[in-house]
């Protein structure tokens, strides 16, 4: 949805543009390459860990 709020973690909302695994991995790679910054840092749980959230096969 065009008016859907962004996710607090990566500031991205999955939509119809995510038509391929390559596209999703490309965005995720860009996000991680930037240091995986949260769009809303105050929403990040204290024990959040990128490596446990994204399984190896999805990195």
C-alpha atoms as a PDB file:
ATOM      1  CA  UNK A   1       0.000   0.000   0.000  1.00  0.00           C
ATOM      2  CA  UNK A   2       1.290   3.415  -0.882  1.00  0.00           C
ATOM      3  CA  UNK A   3       0.125   4.939   2.377  1.00  0.00           C
ATOM      4  CA  UNK A   4       1.342   2.099   4.632  1.00  0.00           C
ATOM      5  CA  UNK A   5       3.822   3.169   7.307  1.00  0.00           C
ATOM      6  CA  UNK A   6       7.439   2.135   6.961  1.00  0.00           C
ATOM      7  CA  UNK A   7       8.719  -0.544   9.275  1.00  0.00           C
ATOM      8  CA  UNK A   8      10.565   0.891  12.295  1.00  0.00           C
ATOM      9  CA  UNK A   9      13.622  -1.274  11.657  1.00  0.00           C
ATOM     10  CA  UNK A  10      14.656  -0.893   8.034  1.00  0.00           C
ATOM     11  CA  UNK A  11      12.262   1.868   6.960  1.00  0.00           C
ATOM     12  CA  UNK A  12      10.908  -0.374   4.232  1.00  0.00           C
ATOM     13  CA  UNK A  13       7.486  -1.888   3.705  1.00  0.00           C
ATOM     14  CA  UNK A  14       7.274  -4.973   1.523  1.00  0.00           C
ATOM     15  CA  UNK A  15       4.955  -4.502  -1.411  1.00  0.00           C
ATOM     16  CA  UNK A  16       4.313  -5.571  -4.969  1.00  0.00           C
ATOM     17  CA  UNK A  17       7.737  -4.234  -6.017  1.00  0.00           C
ATOM     18  CA  UNK A  18       9.315  -7.109  -4.079  1.00  0.00           C
ATOM     19  CA  UNK A  19       8.672  -9.536  -6.902  1.00  0.00           C
ATOM     20  CA  UNK A  20      11.973 -11.366  -6.714  1.00  0.00           C
ATOM     21  CA  UNK A  21      14.253 -12.768  -4.074  1.00  0.00           C
ATOM     22  CA  UNK A  22      17.105 -10.935  -5.787  1.00  0.00           C
ATOM     23  CA  UNK A  23      15.335  -7.588  -5.274  1.00  0.00           C
ATOM     24  CA  UNK A  24      14.661  -8.287  -1.600  1.00  0.00           C
ATOM     25  CA  UNK A  25      18.261  -9.390  -1.039  1.00  0.00           C
ATOM     26  CA  UNK A  26      19.504  -6.316  -2.898  1.00  0.00           C
ATOM     27  CA  UNK A  27      17.632  -3.942  -0.614  1.00  0.00           C
ATOM     28  CA  UNK A  28      18.616  -5.910   2.477  1.00  0.00           C
ATOM     29  CA  UNK A  29      22.263  -5.892   1.350  1.00  0.00           C
ATOM     30  CA  UNK A  30      22.136  -2.124   0.906  1.00  0.00           C
ATOM     31  CA  UNK A  31      20.541  -1.684   4.344  1.00  0.00           C
ATOM     32  CA  UNK A  32      23.103  -3.931   6.041  1.00  0.00           C
ATOM     33  CA  UNK A  33      25.936  -2.234   4.121  1.00  0.00           C
ATOM     34  CA  UNK A  34      24.821   1.066   5.613  1.00  0.00           C
ATOM     35  CA  UNK A  35      25.150  -0.439   9.106  1.00  0.00           C
ATOM     36  CA  UNK A  36      21.548  -1.718   9.341  1.00  0.00           C
ATOM     37  CA  UNK A  37      20.298   1.568  10.808  1.00  0.00           C
ATOM     38  CA  UNK A  38      16.826   1.572  12.276  1.00  0.00           C
ATOM     39  CA  UNK A  39      14.391   4.111  10.898  1.00  0.00           C
ATOM     40  CA  UNK A  40      13.018   4.500  14.415  1.00  0.00           C
ATOM     41  CA  UNK A  41      15.976   3.793  16.735  1.00  0.00           C
ATOM     42  CA  UNK A  42      13.799   4.075  19.836  1.00  0.00           C
ATOM     43  CA  UNK A  43      11.790   1.046  18.613  1.00  0.00           C
ATOM     44  CA  UNK A  44      14.881  -1.189  18.526  1.00  0.00           C
ATOM     45  CA  UNK A  45      14.808  -3.767  21.360  1.00  0.00           C
ATOM     46  CA  UNK A  46      17.902  -3.677  23.568  1.00  0.00           C
ATOM     47  CA  UNK A  47      18.696  -7.325  22.757  1.00  0.00           C
ATOM     48  CA  UNK A  48      18.082  -7.078  18.986  1.00  0.00           C
ATOM     49  CA  UNK A  49      20.798  -8.792  16.941  1.00  0.00           C
ATOM     50  CA  UNK A  50      20.968  -8.655  13.153  1.00  0.00           C
ATOM     51  CA  UNK A  51      22.585 -12.078  12.771  1.00  0.00           C
ATOM     52  CA  UNK A  52      19.883 -13.833  14.770  1.00  0.00           C
ATOM     53  CA  UNK A  53      17.102 -11.989  12.946  1.00  0.00           C
ATOM     54  CA  UNK A  54      18.274 -12.799   9.426  1.00  0.00           C
ATOM     55  CA  UNK A  55      19.085 -16.491   8.921  1.00  0.00           C
ATOM     56  CA  UNK A  56      22.262 -17.309   6.984  1.00  0.00           C
ATOM     57  CA  UNK A  57      20.330 -18.503   3.919  1.00  0.00           C
ATOM     58  CA  UNK A  58      18.692 -15.053   3.654  1.00  0.00           C
ATOM     59  CA  UNK A  59      21.896 -13.014   3.958  1.00  0.00           C
END
